[in-house]
Amino acid sequence: MKSLVRVAAFLAATLIGTLAYGQSFSLENGPNRSAFRDTSNMFIDFGSSWRVHMDTNAGDPDLYINNITMATGSGWDSNLDVMTPVGGFDYNGNAGHYNFGDAISGENHWDFNGAFRNSGAIIAAVADGTYNFTLNVLGGANNSAMDTLASYDLGLTVLQKLDVNVSMSANPNVIAQGEATELSMTVTNNMTGAHFLSTTWFVSNFDDGNGHNLAFDNFVGNWFGQDIAPGASHSDIHSTWHADGAQVPGLYTGNNGVVGGLYDGDFYFLNTDNKAQVLVTVPEPASMAAIGLGALALLRRRRK
């Protein structure tokens, strides 16, 4: 991880999968993801994942997941490096681990990677296009069963670059100690044949290069699920920040942006092309004097 990053929370749509043994499976965020040969404009590339949600209920018979497999479609390229779990999987953000063949008992609500592709650019030899595969979750009533518990037709679309321009501006861009500023963001889709879909937005830091940071207040605006057509732009507020009363004066530069890709479920952090900058100053002496005179007048009134 390049830096501590805050991400605005987002709601995930689900597709319902096969029902078996009283348990249910669903696919999060739709069936398609994207990958790119040039990732130079990305602040963070988390790769691609197709997450599966599983619910089991108290009183259900034990369930066993014994394997997760993928069947690739015509024209599949092994250099895509899409994988399925081997031996088991972590679930709920690494809160727990499941080994294939263990009994799953009682009530559970798990999210886990059914298939995934690690971070990094696709190699140049992989051609543009959408590559299809079928993901199968196998198991059943015991640790040798290979019934199909859930099956999903999935795809990975490959392009040269997620060609999206992100620009940021601060208003006001000069603030005194103790004052606040608001960031706005414009996202422009430079691609000719693909929509850009924002997932959420992020903040990383707003610093002077010497270890001093503006304080982050809140995410504002709405960057959930904004569909930006080829050649189009979308603008909205991004976040609010403030300088503390004793903030070190100087020029502060923000590293903040948008998260998204071609599809719901893509999670690419895109850098801003022009970083927002805010100059922090010390309040003018006249302002300080006015504050002092006001306090003195108030004190005199109280004494009378």
C-alpha atoms as a PDB file:
ATOM      1  CA  MET A   1       0.000   0.000   0.000  1.00  0.00           C
ATOM      2  CA  LYS A   2       1.514   3.324  -1.059  1.00  0.00           C
ATOM      3  CA  SER A   3      -0.218   5.372   1.617  1.00  0.00           C
ATOM      4  CA  LEU A   4      -2.972   5.319   4.190  1.00  0.00           C
ATOM      5  CA  VAL A   5      -6.139   5.782   2.139  1.00  0.00           C
ATOM      6  CA  ARG A   6      -9.701   6.563   3.178  1.00  0.00           C
ATOM      7  CA  VAL A   7     -12.402   5.351   0.807  1.00  0.00           C
ATOM      8  CA  ALA A   8     -16.040   6.407   0.753  1.00  0.00           C
ATOM      9  CA  ALA A   9     -18.232   3.382   1.565  1.00  0.00           C
ATOM     10  CA  PHE A  10     -20.354   2.032  -1.244  1.00  0.00           C
ATOM     11  CA  LEU A  11     -23.316  -0.331  -1.648  1.00  0.00           C
ATOM     12  CA  ALA A  12     -22.778  -3.461  -3.738  1.00  0.00           C
ATOM     13  CA  ALA A  13     -25.440  -4.927  -6.015  1.00  0.00           C
ATOM     14  CA  THR A  14     -25.725  -8.714  -6.046  1.00  0.00           C
ATOM     15  CA  LEU A  15     -26.723 -11.394  -8.500  1.00  0.00           C
ATOM     16  CA  ILE A  16     -28.430 -14.422  -6.971  1.00  0.00           C
ATOM     17  CA  GLY A  17     -26.802 -17.790  -7.625  1.00  0.00           C
ATOM     18  CA  THR A  18     -27.877 -21.410  -7.304  1.00  0.00           C
ATOM     19  CA  LEU A  19     -29.668 -22.445  -4.115  1.00  0.00           C
ATOM     20  CA  ALA A  20     -28.713 -25.741  -2.493  1.00  0.00           C
ATOM     21  CA  TYR A  21     -29.126 -27.465   0.855  1.00  0.00           C
ATOM     22  CA  GLY A  22     -31.037 -24.485   2.272  1.00  0.00           C
ATOM     23  CA  GLN A  23     -28.027 -22.159   1.830  1.00  0.00           C
ATOM     24  CA  SER A  24     -27.769 -19.352  -0.707  1.00  0.00           C
ATOM     25  CA  PHE A  25     -24.967 -17.902  -2.792  1.00  0.00           C
ATOM     26  CA  SER A  26     -24.848 -14.587  -4.643  1.00  0.00           C
ATOM     27  CA  LEU A  27     -22.332 -12.769  -6.812  1.00  0.00           C
ATOM     28  CA  GLU A  28     -21.339  -9.251  -5.779  1.00  0.00           C
ATOM     29  CA  ASN A  29     -21.054  -6.298  -8.156  1.00  0.00           C
ATOM     30  CA  GLY A  30     -21.956  -7.954 -11.436  1.00  0.00           C
ATOM     31  CA  PRO A  31     -20.130 -10.471 -13.633  1.00  0.00           C
ATOM     32  CA  ASN A  32     -17.524  -8.354 -15.484  1.00  0.00           C
ATOM     33  CA  ARG A  33     -14.212  -6.732 -14.544  1.00  0.00           C
ATOM     34  CA  SER A  34     -11.518  -4.890 -16.485  1.00  0.00           C
ATOM     35  CA  ALA A  35      -7.732  -5.003 -16.776  1.00  0.00           C
ATOM     36  CA  PHE A  36      -5.191  -2.845 -18.628  1.00  0.00           C
ATOM     37  CA  ARG A  37      -1.765  -3.065 -20.222  1.00  0.00           C
ATOM     38  CA  ASP A  38      -0.821   0.452 -19.090  1.00  0.00           C
ATOM     39  CA  THR A  39      -1.494   1.234 -15.416  1.00  0.00           C
ATOM     40  CA  SER A  40       0.810   4.259 -15.132  1.00  0.00           C
ATOM     41  CA  ASN A  41      -2.058   6.629 -14.214  1.00  0.00           C
ATOM     42  CA  MET A  42      -3.155   4.525 -11.240  1.00  0.00           C
ATOM     43  CA  PHE A  43      -2.351   5.449  -7.660  1.00  0.00           C
ATOM     44  CA  ILE A  44      -3.319   1.955  -6.511  1.00  0.00           C
ATOM     45  CA  ASP A  45      -4.168  -1.126  -8.591  1.00  0.00           C
ATOM     46  CA  PHE A  46      -5.873  -3.779  -6.467  1.00  0.00           C
ATOM     47  CA  GLY A  47      -6.297  -6.138  -9.420  1.00  0.00           C
ATOM     48  CA  SER A  48      -9.611  -7.825 -10.112  1.00  0.00           C
ATOM     49  CA  SER A  49     -11.785 -10.030  -7.949  1.00  0.00           C
ATOM     50  CA  TRP A  50     -15.133 -11.730  -8.368  1.00  0.00           C
ATOM     51  CA  ARG A  51     -16.525 -11.966  -4.858  1.00  0.00           C
ATOM     52  CA  VAL A  52     -19.148 -14.497  -3.788  1.00  0.00           C
ATOM     53  CA  HIS A  53     -21.499 -14.014  -0.856  1.00  0.00           C
ATOM     54  CA  MET A  54     -22.761 -17.053   1.067  1.00  0.00           C
ATOM     55  CA  ASP A  55     -25.533 -17.254   3.673  1.00  0.00           C
ATOM     56  CA  THR A  56     -26.254 -20.257   5.845  1.00  0.00           C
ATOM     57  CA  ASN A  57     -28.959 -20.465   8.483  1.00  0.00           C
ATOM     58  CA  ALA A  58     -29.202 -21.919  11.956  1.00  0.00           C
ATOM     59  CA  GLY A  59     -30.757 -25.371  11.706  1.00  0.00           C
ATOM     60  CA  ASP A  60     -29.564 -26.037   8.155  1.00  0.00           C
ATOM     61  CA  PRO A  61     -27.680 -29.280   7.605  1.00  0.00           C
ATOM     62  CA  ASP A  62     -23.907 -28.900   7.472  1.00  0.00           C
ATOM     63  CA  LEU A  63     -22.565 -27.687   4.150  1.00  0.00           C
ATOM     64  CA  TYR A  64     -19.198 -28.542   2.619  1.00  0.00           C
ATOM     65  CA  ILE A  65     -17.410 -26.490  -0.044  1.00  0.00           C
ATOM     66  CA  ASN A  66     -14.903 -28.853  -1.593  1.00  0.00           C
ATOM     67  CA  ASN A  67     -13.543 -26.912  -4.559  1.00  0.00           C
ATOM     68  CA  ILE A  68     -13.914 -23.785  -6.688  1.00  0.00           C
ATOM     69  CA  THR A  69     -13.123 -24.191 -10.375  1.00  0.00           C
ATOM     70  CA  MET A  70     -13.234 -22.157 -13.568  1.00  0.00           C
ATOM     71  CA  ALA A  71     -13.954 -23.302 -17.119  1.00  0.00           C
ATOM     72  CA  THR A  72     -12.483 -20.906 -19.692  1.00  0.00           C
ATOM     73  CA  GLY A  73     -14.233 -19.903 -22.905  1.00  0.00           C
ATOM     74  CA  SER A  74     -13.046 -19.850 -26.483  1.00  0.00           C
ATOM     75  CA  GLY A  75      -9.966 -17.682 -27.084  1.00  0.00           C
ATOM     76  CA  TRP A  76      -8.909 -17.600 -23.447  1.00  0.00           C
ATOM     77  CA  ASP A  77      -5.343 -16.362 -22.875  1.00  0.00           C
ATOM     78  CA  SER A  78      -3.420 -17.887 -19.960  1.00  0.00           C
ATOM     79  CA  ASN A  79      -1.518 -14.606 -19.575  1.00  0.00           C
ATOM     80  CA  LEU A  80      -4.665 -13.101 -18.047  1.00  0.00           C
ATOM     81  CA  ASP A  81      -3.576 -14.834 -14.817  1.00  0.00           C
ATOM     82  CA  VAL A  82      -7.097 -15.279 -13.452  1.00  0.00           C
ATOM     83  CA  MET A  83      -7.074 -17.794 -10.595  1.00  0.00           C
ATOM     84  CA  THR A  84      -9.410 -19.563  -8.198  1.00  0.00           C
ATOM     85  CA  PRO A  85      -8.628 -20.396  -4.540  1.00  0.00           C
ATOM     86  CA  VAL A  86      -6.483 -23.448  -3.838  1.00  0.00           C
ATOM     87  CA  GLY A  87      -7.144 -25.451  -0.672  1.00  0.00           C
ATOM     88  CA  GLY A  88      -9.534 -22.878   0.780  1.00  0.00           C
ATOM     89  CA  PHE A  89     -10.103 -19.137   1.074  1.00  0.00           C
ATOM     90  CA  ASP A  90     -10.151 -16.164   3.436  1.00  0.00           C
ATOM     91  CA  TYR A  91     -13.525 -14.574   4.030  1.00  0.00           C
ATOM     92  CA  ASN A  92     -14.975 -11.303   5.380  1.00  0.00           C
ATOM     93  CA  GLY A  93     -11.852  -9.285   4.760  1.00  0.00           C
ATOM     94  CA  ASN A  94      -9.477 -11.914   6.160  1.00  0.00           C
ATOM     95  CA  ALA A  95     -11.494 -12.173   9.374  1.00  0.00           C
ATOM     96  CA  GLY A  96     -11.597 -15.932   8.949  1.00  0.00           C
ATOM     97  CA  HIS A  97     -10.218 -18.774   6.842  1.00  0.00           C
ATOM     98  CA  TYR A  98     -12.021 -21.786   5.413  1.00  0.00           C
ATOM     99  CA  ASN A  99     -10.328 -25.002   4.305  1.00  0.00           C
ATOM    100  CA  PHE A 100     -12.048 -26.972   1.552  1.00  0.00           C
ATOM    101  CA  GLY A 101     -13.798 -29.997   3.035  1.00  0.00           C
ATOM    102  CA  ASP A 102     -14.521 -28.513   6.462  1.00  0.00           C
ATOM    103  CA  ALA A 103     -18.110 -28.592   7.725  1.00  0.00           C
ATOM    104  CA  ILE A 104     -19.946 -25.256   7.617  1.00  0.00           C
ATOM    105  CA  SER A 105     -22.462 -25.247  10.467  1.00  0.00           C
ATOM    106  CA  GLY A 106     -25.081 -22.845  11.778  1.00  0.00           C
ATOM    107  CA  GLU A 107     -25.608 -19.262  10.684  1.00  0.00           C
ATOM    108  CA  ASN A 108     -22.879 -17.684   8.564  1.00  0.00           C
ATOM    109  CA  HIS A 109     -22.586 -14.705   6.257  1.00  0.00           C
ATOM    110  CA  TRP A 110     -19.386 -14.881   4.241  1.00  0.00           C
ATOM    111  CA  ASP A 111     -17.851 -12.827   1.434  1.00  0.00           C
ATOM    112  CA  PHE A 112     -14.911 -14.418  -0.363  1.00  0.00           C
ATOM    113  CA  ASN A 113     -13.013 -14.282  -3.651  1.00  0.00           C
ATOM    114  CA  GLY A 114     -14.372 -16.922  -6.001  1.00  0.00           C
ATOM    115  CA  ALA A 115     -11.894 -15.838  -8.678  1.00  0.00           C
ATOM    116  CA  PHE A 116      -9.250 -13.141  -8.736  1.00  0.00           C
ATOM    117  CA  ARG A 117      -6.425 -11.562 -10.673  1.00  0.00           C
ATOM    118  CA  ASN A 118      -3.538 -10.010  -8.736  1.00  0.00           C
ATOM    119  CA  SER A 119      -2.508  -6.385  -9.239  1.00  0.00           C
ATOM    120  CA  GLY A 120      -0.318  -5.334 -12.133  1.00  0.00           C
ATOM    121  CA  ALA A 121      -0.572  -4.574 -15.826  1.00  0.00           C
ATOM    122  CA  ILE A 122      -1.668  -7.169 -18.367  1.00  0.00           C
ATOM    123  CA  ILE A 123       1.283  -8.114 -20.591  1.00  0.00           C
ATOM    124  CA  ALA A 124       1.449  -6.584 -24.077  1.00  0.00           C
ATOM    125  CA  ALA A 125       0.796  -9.916 -25.803  1.00  0.00           C
ATOM    126  CA  VAL A 126      -2.820 -10.041 -24.582  1.00  0.00           C
ATOM    127  CA  ALA A 127      -5.146  -8.546 -27.187  1.00  0.00           C
ATOM    128  CA  ASP A 128      -8.042  -6.183 -26.522  1.00  0.00           C
ATOM    129  CA  GLY A 129     -11.336  -7.917 -25.922  1.00  0.00           C
ATOM    130  CA  THR A 130     -13.552  -9.595 -23.353  1.00  0.00           C
ATOM    131  CA  TYR A 131     -12.474 -13.028 -22.162  1.00  0.00           C
ATOM    132  CA  ASN A 132     -15.193 -15.253 -20.708  1.00  0.00           C
ATOM    133  CA  PHE A 133     -15.126 -18.032 -18.132  1.00  0.00           C
ATOM    134  CA  THR A 134     -17.524 -19.899 -15.862  1.00  0.00           C
ATOM    135  CA  LEU A 135     -16.942 -20.024 -12.123  1.00  0.00           C
ATOM    136  CA  ASN A 136     -18.255 -23.068 -10.241  1.00  0.00           C
ATOM    137  CA  VAL A 137     -18.544 -23.490  -6.467  1.00  0.00           C
ATOM    138  CA  LEU A 138     -18.598 -27.248  -5.778  1.00  0.00           C
ATOM    139  CA  GLY A 139     -19.528 -29.221  -2.673  1.00  0.00           C
ATOM    140  CA  GLY A 140     -22.557 -30.611  -0.892  1.00  0.00           C
ATOM    141  CA  ALA A 141     -23.585 -32.676   2.084  1.00  0.00           C
ATOM    142  CA  ASN A 142     -20.144 -34.180   2.830  1.00  0.00           C
ATOM    143  CA  ASN A 143     -16.464 -33.577   2.138  1.00  0.00           C
ATOM    144  CA  SER A 144     -16.449 -35.672  -1.034  1.00  0.00           C
ATOM    145  CA  ALA A 145     -19.534 -34.199  -2.736  1.00  0.00           C
ATOM    146  CA  MET A 146     -18.979 -32.235  -5.957  1.00  0.00           C
ATOM    147  CA  ASP A 147     -22.455 -30.895  -6.595  1.00  0.00           C
ATOM    148  CA  THR A 148     -22.688 -27.434  -8.175  1.00  0.00           C
ATOM    149  CA  LEU A 149     -23.625 -25.091  -5.336  1.00  0.00           C
ATOM    150  CA  ALA A 150     -23.315 -21.958  -7.489  1.00  0.00           C
ATOM    151  CA  SER A 151     -22.264 -21.198 -11.059  1.00  0.00           C
ATOM    152  CA  TYR A 152     -21.585 -17.817 -12.703  1.00  0.00           C
ATOM    153  CA  ASP A 153     -20.696 -16.761 -16.243  1.00  0.00           C
ATOM    154  CA  LEU A 154     -18.015 -14.089 -15.851  1.00  0.00           C
ATOM    155  CA  GLY A 155     -15.792 -11.915 -18.038  1.00  0.00           C
ATOM    156  CA  LEU A 156     -12.591  -9.865 -18.036  1.00  0.00           C
ATOM    157  CA  THR A 157     -12.304  -6.987 -20.522  1.00  0.00           C
ATOM    158  CA  VAL A 158      -8.782  -5.956 -21.542  1.00  0.00           C
ATOM    159  CA  LEU A 159      -7.882  -2.519 -22.939  1.00  0.00           C
ATOM    160  CA  GLN A 160      -4.630  -0.612 -23.342  1.00  0.00           C
ATOM    161  CA  LYS A 161      -5.406   1.963 -20.633  1.00  0.00           C
ATOM    162  CA  LEU A 162      -8.151   3.218 -18.358  1.00  0.00           C
ATOM    163  CA  ASP A 163      -7.841   6.550 -20.156  1.00  0.00           C
ATOM    164  CA  VAL A 164      -9.544   8.872 -17.685  1.00  0.00           C
ATOM    165  CA  ASN A 165      -8.423  12.368 -16.702  1.00  0.00           C
ATOM    166  CA  VAL A 166      -8.972  13.449 -13.086  1.00  0.00           C
ATOM    167  CA  SER A 167      -8.548  17.094 -12.084  1.00  0.00           C
ATOM    168  CA  MET A 168      -8.958  18.683  -8.664  1.00  0.00           C
ATOM    169  CA  SER A 169      -9.314  22.232  -7.403  1.00  0.00           C
ATOM    170  CA  ALA A 170      -9.610  23.826  -3.960  1.00  0.00           C
ATOM    171  CA  ASN A 171     -11.951  26.673  -3.043  1.00  0.00           C
ATOM    172  CA  PRO A 172     -10.582  28.768  -1.496  1.00  0.00           C
ATOM    173  CA  ASN A 173      -7.011  27.893  -2.401  1.00  0.00           C
ATOM    174  CA  VAL A 174      -5.555  30.315   0.166  1.00  0.00           C
ATOM    175  CA  ILE A 175      -6.636  29.860   3.772  1.00  0.00           C
ATOM    176  CA  ALA A 176      -5.387  31.159   7.103  1.00  0.00           C
ATOM    177  CA  GLN A 177      -4.716  29.012  10.151  1.00  0.00           C
ATOM    178  CA  GLY A 178      -8.046  27.790  11.508  1.00  0.00           C
ATOM    179  CA  GLU A 179      -9.885  28.052   8.154  1.00  0.00           C
ATOM    180  CA  ALA A 180     -11.324  25.369   5.840  1.00  0.00           C
ATOM    181  CA  THR A 181     -11.340  24.577   2.130  1.00  0.00           C
ATOM    182  CA  GLU A 182     -13.495  22.440  -0.170  1.00  0.00           C
ATOM    183  CA  LEU A 183     -12.169  20.249  -2.984  1.00  0.00           C
ATOM    184  CA  SER A 184     -14.026  19.764  -6.260  1.00  0.00           C
ATOM    185  CA  MET A 185     -13.232  17.058  -8.812  1.00  0.00           C
ATOM    186  CA  THR A 186     -13.831  16.694 -12.555  1.00  0.00           C
ATOM    187  CA  VAL A 187     -13.495  13.282 -14.207  1.00  0.00           C
ATOM    188  CA  THR A 188     -13.228  13.151 -18.015  1.00  0.00           C
ATOM    189  CA  ASN A 189     -13.517   9.903 -19.977  1.00  0.00           C
ATOM    190  CA  ASN A 190     -11.051  10.044 -22.890  1.00  0.00           C
ATOM    191  CA  MET A 191     -11.880   6.544 -24.127  1.00  0.00           C
ATOM    192  CA  THR A 192     -13.722   6.263 -27.445  1.00  0.00           C
ATOM    193  CA  GLY A 193     -15.590   3.005 -26.984  1.00  0.00           C
ATOM    194  CA  ALA A 194     -15.964   2.409 -23.257  1.00  0.00           C
ATOM    195  CA  HIS A 195     -17.847   4.013 -20.384  1.00  0.00           C
ATOM    196  CA  PHE A 196     -16.118   4.862 -17.114  1.00  0.00           C
ATOM    197  CA  LEU A 197     -18.073   3.850 -14.018  1.00  0.00           C
ATOM    198  CA  SER A 198     -17.013   5.321 -10.687  1.00  0.00           C
ATOM    199  CA  THR A 199     -17.141   3.013  -7.692  1.00  0.00           C
ATOM    200  CA  THR A 200     -16.380   5.544  -4.973  1.00  0.00           C
ATOM    201  CA  TRP A 201     -13.753   8.222  -4.199  1.00  0.00           C
ATOM    202  CA  PHE A 202     -10.722   8.416  -1.968  1.00  0.00           C
ATOM    203  CA  VAL A 203      -8.443  10.716  -0.008  1.00  0.00           C
ATOM    204  CA  SER A 204      -4.835   9.951   0.804  1.00  0.00           C
ATOM    205  CA  ASN A 205      -2.982  12.988   2.099  1.00  0.00           C
ATOM    206  CA  PHE A 206      -2.752  16.769   1.833  1.00  0.00           C
ATOM    207  CA  ASP A 207       0.766  17.690   2.915  1.00  0.00           C
ATOM    208  CA  ASP A 208       3.535  20.244   2.591  1.00  0.00           C
ATOM    209  CA  GLY A 209       6.257  17.684   1.843  1.00  0.00           C
ATOM    210  CA  ASN A 210       7.724  18.084   5.320  1.00  0.00           C
ATOM    211  CA  GLY A 211       5.409  15.845   7.323  1.00  0.00           C
ATOM    212  CA  HIS A 212       2.655  18.394   7.977  1.00  0.00           C
ATOM    213  CA  ASN A 213      -0.900  17.627   6.816  1.00  0.00           C
ATOM    214  CA  LEU A 214      -4.190  19.434   6.502  1.00  0.00           C
ATOM    215  CA  ALA A 215      -6.961  17.762   8.531  1.00  0.00           C
ATOM    216  CA  PHE A 216      -9.535  15.749   6.561  1.00  0.00           C
ATOM    217  CA  ASP A 217     -13.131  16.538   7.532  1.00  0.00           C
ATOM    218  CA  ASN A 218     -15.635  14.696   5.299  1.00  0.00           C
ATOM    219  CA  PHE A 219     -16.378  13.177   1.929  1.00  0.00           C
ATOM    220  CA  VAL A 220     -18.970  15.294   0.136  1.00  0.00           C
ATOM    221  CA  GLY A 221     -20.744  15.132  -3.216  1.00  0.00           C
ATOM    222  CA  ASN A 222     -21.713  11.830  -4.826  1.00  0.00           C
ATOM    223  CA  TRP A 223     -19.259   9.655  -6.731  1.00  0.00           C
ATOM    224  CA  PHE A 224     -21.129   6.370  -6.279  1.00  0.00           C
ATOM    225  CA  GLY A 225     -21.920   4.701  -9.602  1.00  0.00           C
ATOM    226  CA  GLN A 226     -21.433   7.728 -11.860  1.00  0.00           C
ATOM    227  CA  ASP A 227     -21.552   6.479 -15.465  1.00  0.00           C
ATOM    228  CA  ILE A 228     -19.419   8.746 -17.676  1.00  0.00           C
ATOM    229  CA  ALA A 229     -19.865   8.150 -21.408  1.00  0.00           C
ATOM    230  CA  PRO A 230     -16.965   8.282 -23.901  1.00  0.00           C
ATOM    231  CA  GLY A 231     -15.817  11.880 -24.314  1.00  0.00           C
ATOM    232  CA  ALA A 232     -17.993  13.154 -21.446  1.00  0.00           C
ATOM    233  CA  SER A 233     -17.092  14.684 -18.072  1.00  0.00           C
ATOM    234  CA  HIS A 234     -18.649  14.737 -14.629  1.00  0.00           C
ATOM    235  CA  SER A 235     -17.948  17.287 -11.880  1.00  0.00           C
ATOM    236  CA  ASP A 236     -18.918  17.334  -8.218  1.00  0.00           C
ATOM    237  CA  ILE A 237     -17.579  18.199  -4.785  1.00  0.00           C
ATOM    238  CA  HIS A 238     -15.033  15.738  -3.414  1.00  0.00           C
ATOM    239  CA  SER A 239     -14.097  16.470   0.217  1.00  0.00           C
ATOM    240  CA  THR A 240     -13.533  19.153   2.865  1.00  0.00           C
ATOM    241  CA  TRP A 241     -10.341  19.914   4.805  1.00  0.00           C
ATOM    242  CA  HIS A 242      -9.141  22.469   7.335  1.00  0.00           C
ATOM    243  CA  ALA A 243      -5.953  23.998   8.725  1.00  0.00           C
ATOM    244  CA  ASP A 244      -5.537  23.789  12.487  1.00  0.00           C
ATOM    245  CA  GLY A 245      -5.082  26.967  14.484  1.00  0.00           C
ATOM    246  CA  ALA A 246      -1.363  26.259  14.724  1.00  0.00           C
ATOM    247  CA  GLN A 247      -0.968  24.816  11.181  1.00  0.00           C
ATOM    248  CA  VAL A 248       2.527  25.273   9.798  1.00  0.00           C
ATOM    249  CA  PRO A 249       2.238  27.884   7.017  1.00  0.00           C
ATOM    250  CA  GLY A 250       3.155  26.808   3.509  1.00  0.00           C
ATOM    251  CA  LEU A 251       1.919  25.213   0.278  1.00  0.00           C
ATOM    252  CA  TYR A 252      -0.012  21.967   0.768  1.00  0.00           C
ATOM    253  CA  THR A 253      -0.593  19.497  -2.095  1.00  0.00           C
ATOM    254  CA  GLY A 254      -3.406  16.910  -2.106  1.00  0.00           C
ATOM    255  CA  ASN A 255      -3.219  13.348  -3.423  1.00  0.00           C
ATOM    256  CA  ASN A 256      -6.910  12.515  -3.807  1.00  0.00           C
ATOM    257  CA  GLY A 257      -9.022  11.055  -6.566  1.00  0.00           C
ATOM    258  CA  VAL A 258     -11.675   8.663  -7.806  1.00  0.00           C
ATOM    259  CA  VAL A 259     -12.048   4.877  -7.771  1.00  0.00           C
ATOM    260  CA  GLY A 260     -13.632   2.907 -10.610  1.00  0.00           C
ATOM    261  CA  GLY A 261     -13.173   1.177 -13.931  1.00  0.00           C
ATOM    262  CA  LEU A 262     -15.253  -0.124 -16.794  1.00  0.00           C
ATOM    263  CA  TYR A 263     -17.640  -2.059 -14.555  1.00  0.00           C
ATOM    264  CA  ASP A 264     -19.255  -2.082 -11.142  1.00  0.00           C
ATOM    265  CA  GLY A 265     -16.766  -3.937  -8.966  1.00  0.00           C
ATOM    266  CA  ASP A 266     -13.634  -2.493 -10.592  1.00  0.00           C
ATOM    267  CA  PHE A 267     -11.490  -0.881  -7.924  1.00  0.00           C
ATOM    268  CA  TYR A 268      -8.782   1.170  -9.624  1.00  0.00           C
ATOM    269  CA  PHE A 269      -7.567   4.292  -7.767  1.00  0.00           C
ATOM    270  CA  LEU A 270      -6.918   7.018 -10.349  1.00  0.00           C
ATOM    271  CA  ASN A 271      -4.432   9.798  -9.723  1.00  0.00           C
ATOM    272  CA  THR A 272      -5.290  13.406 -10.357  1.00  0.00           C
ATOM    273  CA  ASP A 273      -3.470  14.957 -13.313  1.00  0.00           C
ATOM    274  CA  ASN A 274      -3.268  18.293 -11.509  1.00  0.00           C
ATOM    275  CA  LYS A 275      -2.957  18.046  -7.740  1.00  0.00           C
ATOM    276  CA  ALA A 276      -5.060  20.440  -5.701  1.00  0.00           C
ATOM    277  CA  GLN A 277      -2.921  22.955  -3.830  1.00  0.00           C
ATOM    278  CA  VAL A 278      -3.763  25.135  -0.846  1.00  0.00           C
ATOM    279  CA  LEU A 279      -1.597  27.887   0.594  1.00  0.00           C
ATOM    280  CA  VAL A 280      -1.866  28.161   4.381  1.00  0.00           C
ATOM    281  CA  THR A 281      -1.022  31.571   5.830  1.00  0.00           C
ATOM    282  CA  VAL A 282      -0.849  33.215   9.242  1.00  0.00           C
ATOM    283  CA  PRO A 283      -3.813  35.588   9.905  1.00  0.00           C
ATOM    284  CA  GLU A 284      -2.957  39.155   8.944  1.00  0.00           C
ATOM    285  CA  PRO A 285      -1.778  41.429  11.798  1.00  0.00           C
ATOM    286  CA  ALA A 286      -4.782  43.721  11.213  1.00  0.00           C
ATOM    287  CA  SER A 287      -7.111  40.776  11.748  1.00  0.00           C
ATOM    288  CA  MET A 288      -5.254  39.756  14.878  1.00  0.00           C
ATOM    289  CA  ALA A 289      -5.406  43.344  16.143  1.00  0.00           C
ATOM    290  CA  ALA A 290      -9.163  43.508  15.483  1.00  0.00           C
ATOM    291  CA  ILE A 291      -9.641  40.316  17.443  1.00  0.00           C
ATOM    292  CA  GLY A 292      -7.573  41.750  20.295  1.00  0.00           C
ATOM    293  CA  LEU A 293      -9.492  45.058  20.340  1.00  0.00           C
ATOM    294  CA  GLY A 294     -12.801  43.217  20.363  1.00  0.00           C
ATOM    295  CA  ALA A 295     -11.720  41.118  23.326  1.00  0.00           C
ATOM    296  CA  LEU A 296     -10.491  44.248  25.151  1.00  0.00           C
ATOM    297  CA  ALA A 297     -13.793  46.064  24.570  1.00  0.00           C
ATOM    298  CA  LEU A 298     -15.721  43.074  25.876  1.00  0.00           C
ATOM    299  CA  LEU A 299     -13.544  42.954  28.985  1.00  0.00           C
ATOM    300  CA  ARG A 300     -14.132  46.663  29.640  1.00  0.00           C
ATOM    301  CA  ARG A 301     -17.915  46.291  29.341  1.00  0.00           C
ATOM    302  CA  ARG A 302     -17.858  43.424  31.816  1.00  0.00           C
ATOM    303  CA  ARG A 303     -15.853  45.531  34.322  1.00  0.00           C
ATOM    304  CA  LYS A 304     -18.370  48.387  34.094  1.00  0.00           C
END
